[in-house]
Protein backbone atom coordinates (compact mmCIF):
# COMPACT_ATOMS: atom_id res chain seq x y z
CA MET A 1 2.58 1.46 -8.51
CA LYS A 2 4.71 -1.52 -9.52
CA ILE A 3 7.66 -2.67 -7.44
CA LEU A 4 10.38 -5.28 -7.91
CA VAL A 5 11.53 -7.07 -4.76
CA THR A 6 14.74 -9.03 -5.23
CA GLY A 7 15.39 -11.79 -2.72
CA GLY A 8 11.69 -11.82 -1.93
CA ALA A 9 11.64 -15.50 -0.98
CA GLY A 10 14.12 -14.91 1.83
CA PHE A 11 13.42 -14.03 5.44
CA ILE A 12 13.07 -10.23 5.39
CA GLY A 13 12.05 -10.08 1.73
CA SER A 14 9.10 -12.45 2.18
CA ASN A 15 7.91 -10.58 5.25
CA PHE A 16 8.24 -7.31 3.33
CA ILE A 17 6.19 -8.61 0.40
CA ARG A 18 3.46 -9.81 2.75
CA THR A 19 3.41 -6.39 4.44
CA VAL A 20 3.06 -4.59 1.10
CA ILE A 21 0.40 -6.95 -0.27
CA ASN A 22 -1.70 -6.72 2.90
CA LYS A 23 -1.36 -2.99 3.55
CA HIS A 24 -1.04 -1.47 0.08
CA PRO A 25 -3.64 -3.01 -2.25
CA ASP A 26 -2.80 -0.52 -5.01
CA VAL A 27 0.78 -1.85 -5.32
CA LYS A 28 1.74 -4.66 -7.70
CA VAL A 29 4.68 -6.75 -6.46
CA ILE A 30 7.11 -8.76 -8.56
CA ASN A 31 9.19 -11.14 -6.49
CA TYR A 32 12.54 -11.96 -8.14
CA ASP A 33 14.47 -14.71 -6.37
CA LYS A 34 17.01 -17.40 -7.27
CA LEU A 35 15.58 -19.76 -4.62
CA THR A 36 18.91 -20.68 -3.05
CA TYR A 37 19.00 -22.70 0.17
CA ALA A 38 17.69 -19.72 2.19
CA GLY A 39 14.85 -18.82 -0.16
CA SER A 40 11.53 -20.65 -0.10
CA LEU A 41 8.21 -19.96 -1.79
CA GLU A 42 6.61 -21.79 1.14
CA SER A 43 7.19 -18.53 3.04
CA LEU A 44 4.68 -16.82 0.70
CA LYS A 45 2.15 -19.62 0.30
CA ASP A 46 -0.62 -17.47 1.79
CA ILE A 47 -0.36 -14.74 -0.85
CA GLU A 48 0.89 -16.64 -3.93
CA LYS A 49 -2.50 -16.39 -5.68
CA ASN A 50 -3.01 -12.71 -4.93
CA LYS A 51 -3.72 -10.77 -8.14
CA ASN A 52 -1.06 -8.18 -7.22
CA TYR A 53 1.72 -10.75 -6.79
CA THR A 54 4.01 -12.27 -9.43
CA PHE A 55 7.06 -14.49 -9.04
CA ILE A 56 10.10 -14.67 -11.33
CA LYS A 57 12.83 -17.22 -10.64
CA GLY A 58 16.19 -15.72 -11.48
CA ASP A 59 19.70 -14.77 -10.42
CA VAL A 60 20.43 -11.08 -9.78
CA CYS A 61 23.66 -11.58 -11.74
CA ASP A 62 21.68 -12.51 -14.86
CA ALA A 63 21.75 -9.14 -16.63
CA GLU A 64 19.31 -10.09 -19.40
CA LEU A 65 16.63 -11.45 -17.08
CA VAL A 66 17.08 -8.65 -14.53
CA ASN A 67 16.69 -6.08 -17.30
CA LYS A 68 13.43 -7.69 -18.41
CA ALA A 69 12.13 -7.80 -14.84
CA ALA A 70 12.96 -4.11 -14.33
CA LYS A 71 10.87 -2.87 -17.28
CA GLY A 72 7.97 -0.71 -16.12
CA ILE A 73 9.07 -0.85 -12.48
CA ASP A 74 8.66 2.21 -10.23
CA ILE A 75 10.77 1.06 -7.26
CA ILE A 76 13.34 -1.69 -6.82
CA PHE A 77 13.83 -3.02 -3.28
CA ASN A 78 17.08 -5.00 -3.24
CA PHE A 79 16.92 -7.62 -0.50
CA ALA A 80 18.86 -10.20 -2.53
CA ALA A 81 22.00 -11.13 -0.61
CA GLU A 82 24.00 -13.89 0.95
CA SER A 83 23.84 -12.92 4.61
CA HIS A 84 25.28 -15.56 6.93
CA VAL A 85 28.65 -14.50 8.37
CA ASP A 86 29.85 -18.04 9.05
CA ARG A 87 29.19 -19.03 5.44
CA SER A 88 31.07 -15.94 4.23
CA ILE A 89 34.13 -17.11 6.16
CA GLN A 90 33.91 -20.56 4.55
CA ASP A 91 33.26 -19.37 0.98
CA PRO A 92 33.79 -15.60 0.57
CA PHE A 93 33.58 -15.47 -3.24
CA VAL A 94 29.90 -16.46 -3.25
CA PHE A 95 29.21 -13.30 -1.23
CA THR A 96 31.18 -11.08 -3.59
CA LYS A 97 29.24 -12.44 -6.55
CA SER A 98 25.74 -12.19 -5.07
CA ASN A 99 26.10 -9.05 -2.99
CA VAL A 100 28.43 -6.92 -5.12
CA LEU A 101 28.04 -8.11 -8.71
CA GLY A 102 24.34 -8.78 -8.16
CA THR A 103 23.75 -5.25 -6.88
CA HIS A 104 25.78 -3.82 -9.76
CA THR A 105 23.65 -5.74 -12.27
CA LEU A 106 20.49 -4.40 -10.66
CA LEU A 107 21.80 -0.84 -10.69
CA GLU A 108 22.49 -1.06 -14.42
CA ALA A 109 19.01 -2.44 -15.08
CA ALA A 110 17.46 0.32 -12.96
CA ARG A 111 19.44 2.97 -14.83
CA LYS A 112 18.53 1.64 -18.29
CA ASN A 113 14.85 1.37 -17.37
CA ASN A 114 14.58 4.74 -15.60
CA VAL A 115 13.39 3.19 -12.35
CA LYS A 116 12.09 5.98 -10.11
CA LYS A 117 13.72 4.73 -6.87
CA PHE A 118 16.27 2.11 -5.90
CA ILE A 119 16.14 1.03 -2.25
CA GLN A 120 19.28 -0.81 -1.16
CA ILE A 121 18.71 -3.00 1.91
CA SER A 122 21.93 -3.01 3.92
CA THR A 123 23.13 -3.84 7.43
CA ASP A 124 24.63 -2.31 10.56
CA GLU A 125 27.55 -4.73 10.12
CA THR A 126 29.04 -2.47 7.44
CA TYR A 127 30.10 -0.05 10.20
CA GLY A 128 32.01 -2.70 12.13
CA SER A 129 32.22 -2.90 15.90
CA ILE A 130 31.87 0.02 18.35
CA GLN A 131 32.74 0.03 22.07
CA LYS A 132 30.81 3.13 23.12
CA GLY A 133 28.17 5.28 21.50
CA SER A 134 26.32 4.49 18.28
CA PHE A 135 27.07 4.74 14.59
CA LYS A 136 25.55 7.55 12.54
CA GLU A 137 24.92 7.33 8.82
CA THR A 138 27.87 9.64 8.15
CA ASP A 139 30.41 7.41 9.96
CA SER A 140 33.08 5.54 8.05
CA LEU A 141 32.55 1.91 7.11
CA ASP A 142 34.82 -0.66 8.73
CA PRO A 143 33.49 -4.15 7.89
CA SER A 144 35.03 -7.17 9.62
CA SER A 145 33.79 -10.17 7.63
CA PRO A 146 33.58 -11.01 3.91
CA TYR A 147 29.80 -10.70 4.31
CA SER A 148 29.84 -7.18 5.75
CA ALA A 149 32.59 -6.14 3.32
CA SER A 150 30.46 -7.28 0.39
CA LYS A 151 27.48 -5.31 1.70
CA ALA A 152 29.63 -2.22 2.27
CA SER A 153 30.93 -2.55 -1.29
CA ALA A 154 27.37 -2.76 -2.62
CA ASP A 155 26.42 0.37 -0.66
CA LEU A 156 29.36 2.28 -2.14
CA LEU A 157 28.39 1.18 -5.65
CA CYS A 158 24.86 2.49 -5.03
CA LEU A 159 26.17 5.84 -3.82
CA SER A 160 28.50 6.08 -6.81
CA TYR A 161 25.52 5.61 -9.15
CA GLN A 162 23.70 8.34 -7.28
CA THR A 163 26.62 10.73 -7.77
CA THR A 164 27.69 9.76 -11.29
CA PHE A 165 24.38 8.95 -12.96
CA ASN A 166 22.02 10.91 -10.67
CA MET A 167 20.23 7.68 -9.83
CA PRO A 168 17.51 7.89 -7.14
CA ILE A 169 19.15 5.80 -4.41
CA ILE A 170 18.10 5.32 -0.78
CA ILE A 171 20.00 2.96 1.55
CA THR A 172 18.63 1.43 4.75
CA ARG A 173 20.99 -0.13 7.29
CA THR A 174 19.21 -2.30 9.82
CA THR A 175 20.16 -4.08 13.02
CA ASN A 176 19.62 -7.82 13.62
CA ASN A 177 16.16 -8.98 12.55
CA PHE A 178 14.13 -11.81 14.07
CA GLY A 179 10.66 -13.22 13.53
CA PRO A 180 8.70 -15.72 11.40
CA TYR A 181 10.22 -17.44 8.36
CA GLN A 182 13.85 -16.84 9.38
CA TYR A 183 16.17 -19.56 8.10
CA PRO A 184 17.19 -21.75 11.08
CA GLU A 185 20.93 -21.15 10.72
CA LYS A 186 20.53 -17.72 12.38
CA VAL A 187 20.92 -17.57 16.13
CA ILE A 188 17.34 -17.05 17.37
CA PRO A 189 15.58 -19.64 15.16
CA LEU A 190 18.55 -22.01 15.55
CA PHE A 191 18.29 -21.89 19.33
CA ILE A 192 14.50 -22.21 19.32
CA THR A 193 14.46 -25.17 16.95
CA ASN A 194 17.41 -26.88 18.62
CA LEU A 195 15.59 -26.83 21.95
CA MET A 196 12.46 -28.18 20.26
CA GLU A 197 14.60 -31.05 18.94
CA GLY A 198 16.13 -31.72 22.36
CA LYS A 199 19.52 -30.32 21.34
CA LYS A 200 21.75 -27.83 23.16
CA VAL A 201 22.27 -24.29 21.89
CA PRO A 202 25.80 -23.43 20.63
CA LEU A 203 26.87 -20.05 22.06
CA TYR A 204 29.99 -18.38 20.67
CA GLY A 205 32.79 -17.36 23.05
CA ASP A 206 31.67 -15.80 26.33
CA GLY A 207 28.29 -14.78 24.92
CA MET A 208 28.93 -11.10 25.54
CA ASN A 209 28.77 -9.94 21.93
CA ILE A 210 26.07 -7.27 21.82
CA ARG A 211 23.50 -6.79 19.09
CA ASP A 212 20.45 -4.56 18.70
CA TRP A 213 17.38 -6.59 17.75
CA ILE A 214 14.37 -5.52 15.68
CA TYR A 215 11.23 -7.52 14.96
CA VAL A 216 11.04 -8.13 11.22
CA ALA A 217 7.58 -6.54 10.90
CA ASP A 218 9.00 -3.28 12.27
CA ASN A 219 11.87 -3.37 9.81
CA CYS A 220 9.52 -3.97 6.88
CA GLU A 221 7.41 -0.97 7.90
CA ALA A 222 10.57 1.15 8.28
CA ILE A 223 11.87 0.21 4.82
CA TRP A 224 8.56 1.17 3.19
CA PHE A 225 8.53 4.36 5.25
CA ALA A 226 12.06 5.25 4.07
CA ALA A 227 11.04 4.64 0.46
CA GLU A 228 8.03 6.94 0.85
CA LYS A 229 9.36 9.65 3.16
CA GLY A 230 13.13 9.39 2.77
CA LYS A 231 15.27 11.77 0.76
CA ILE A 232 16.99 10.58 -2.40
CA GLY A 233 20.72 9.96 -1.88
CA GLU A 234 20.37 9.44 1.87
CA ILE A 235 21.15 6.54 4.22
CA TYR A 236 18.81 5.63 7.08
CA ASN A 237 19.76 3.55 10.11
CA ILE A 238 16.93 1.33 11.39
CA GLY A 239 17.10 -0.16 14.88
CA GLY A 240 14.79 -1.75 17.41
CA GLY A 241 16.27 -0.19 20.55
CA ASN A 242 16.97 -3.62 22.05
CA GLU A 243 20.72 -3.88 22.62
CA LEU A 244 21.38 -7.21 24.33
CA PRO A 245 24.37 -9.53 24.74
CA ASN A 246 23.96 -12.94 23.12
CA ILE A 247 23.99 -14.63 26.53
CA LYS A 248 20.94 -12.58 27.54
CA ILE A 249 19.09 -13.53 24.34
CA THR A 250 19.97 -17.16 25.05
CA LYS A 251 18.66 -17.02 28.60
CA ILE A 252 15.41 -15.35 27.47
CA ILE A 253 14.79 -18.14 24.96
CA LEU A 254 15.66 -20.81 27.54
CA GLU A 255 13.28 -19.31 30.07
CA GLU A 256 10.45 -18.95 27.56
CA MET A 257 10.89 -22.60 26.57
CA GLY A 258 11.16 -23.94 30.11
CA LYS A 259 14.86 -24.87 29.94
CA ASP A 260 17.75 -24.13 32.30
CA GLU A 261 21.32 -23.02 31.51
CA SER A 262 22.60 -26.59 31.26
CA TRP A 263 21.24 -26.47 27.70
CA ILE A 264 23.95 -23.95 26.71
CA GLN A 265 26.98 -25.36 24.90
CA TYR A 266 29.79 -22.81 24.76
CA VAL A 267 31.76 -23.11 21.51
CA LYS A 268 34.93 -21.53 20.13
CA ASP A 269 34.35 -17.97 18.94
CA ARG A 270 34.29 -17.35 15.19
CA PRO A 271 37.11 -15.35 13.53
CA GLY A 272 36.65 -11.57 13.47
CA HIS A 273 33.53 -11.68 15.65
CA ASP A 274 32.44 -8.05 16.19
CA ARG A 275 31.92 -7.24 19.86
CA ARG A 276 29.12 -4.69 19.65
CA TYR A 277 26.85 -3.16 17.02
CA SER A 278 24.87 -0.02 17.75
CA LEU A 279 23.01 2.42 15.51
CA ASP A 280 21.93 6.00 16.04
CA CYS A 281 18.45 6.05 14.48
CA ALA A 282 17.63 9.71 15.10
CA LYS A 283 17.53 10.48 11.39
CA ILE A 284 14.59 8.21 10.53
CA SER A 285 12.95 8.95 13.88
CA LYS A 286 12.83 12.66 12.99
CA LEU A 287 10.91 11.73 9.85
CA GLY A 288 8.27 10.08 12.06
CA TRP A 289 9.12 6.37 12.22
CA LYS A 290 9.60 4.32 15.38
CA PRO A 291 9.32 0.59 16.16
CA LYS A 292 5.95 -0.65 17.39
CA PHE A 293 6.74 -4.09 18.82
CA LYS A 294 8.11 -4.68 22.30
CA PHE A 295 10.96 -7.16 22.31
CA GLU A 296 9.49 -9.34 25.06
CA ASN A 297 6.22 -9.84 23.18
CA ALA A 298 7.89 -10.26 19.79
CA ILE A 299 10.32 -12.96 20.96
CA ARG A 300 7.43 -14.82 22.58
CA ASP A 301 5.41 -14.60 19.36
CA THR A 302 8.44 -15.80 17.39
CA ILE A 303 8.87 -18.86 19.60
CA THR A 304 5.17 -19.64 19.22
CA TRP A 305 5.44 -19.33 15.44
CA TYR A 306 8.28 -21.87 15.25
CA LYS A 307 6.36 -24.23 17.50
CA GLU A 308 3.29 -23.98 15.28
CA ASN A 309 5.20 -24.22 11.98
CA ALA A 310 7.54 -27.12 12.54
CA ASN A 311 6.90 -28.45 9.02
CA TRP A 312 8.36 -25.25 7.57
CA TRP A 313 11.72 -25.38 9.39
CA LYS A 314 12.27 -29.13 9.85
CA ARG A 315 12.81 -29.76 6.14
CA LEU A 316 15.27 -26.83 6.02
CA LYS A 317 17.34 -28.15 8.93
CA LYS A 318 17.66 -31.51 7.22
């Protein structure tokens, strides 16, 4: 089998490639990445010489190059995306280009090359905020930020290609990921690395915004599982079962790193900040998938990783 992973030098993409290379020796992986600020080949240094791994530097909006990369591919996993909400508020058009036009370009390449499956990696943020209960895959989309709107748009494009062209689409929508190789602008690695640098941690608003957290290794396993066991044309929610307010996450990190609450710096909330995300993951659970990692152990392992890999994140924070 030969797969194309777009955005494979990013956080989740690089972890996914490592998972596939290590657990599926019969699979050849092509990593297609533009290497923007959030993408780094340093994240794949340990497998770069593996005979089943190839890297192509390219933009997902480059139709000619994408079409070449898609030739002979069995499955496309589309991780390529701008994903930081704050950046989407500052410069929304970049998100439209990468997340919508980039996905559209990939869909066309997949259609022309008769790719057997197209796995669109999406997010729980497309549903918007929910006060009670949890979102099911059949619920309406109600994105709040330019980022989540661009991802929702990409999802709808994928579903339209499934309906119009009978393309083999599967969409996964995942909760907040954390773990090794996450760019230090995201909350967990930002807080960990700030504390290592002797800086306070900036917490939005009252800190009561709730997110469900999943360890990146669990998400990677779930995405592969959905590609293997999922039904064409379906959407699968993927969650870790760890719904926590941001203030709780902050306090856990502080405690693990031997700091008290004086290290918290409360800052003005960002515009359109969703209060709570929550996914109903019964659909993928019925197929036989469930997360393996306990949050307490995974967050401890994540902190240890950033302590032991300061050279990786220090140059990025500069």
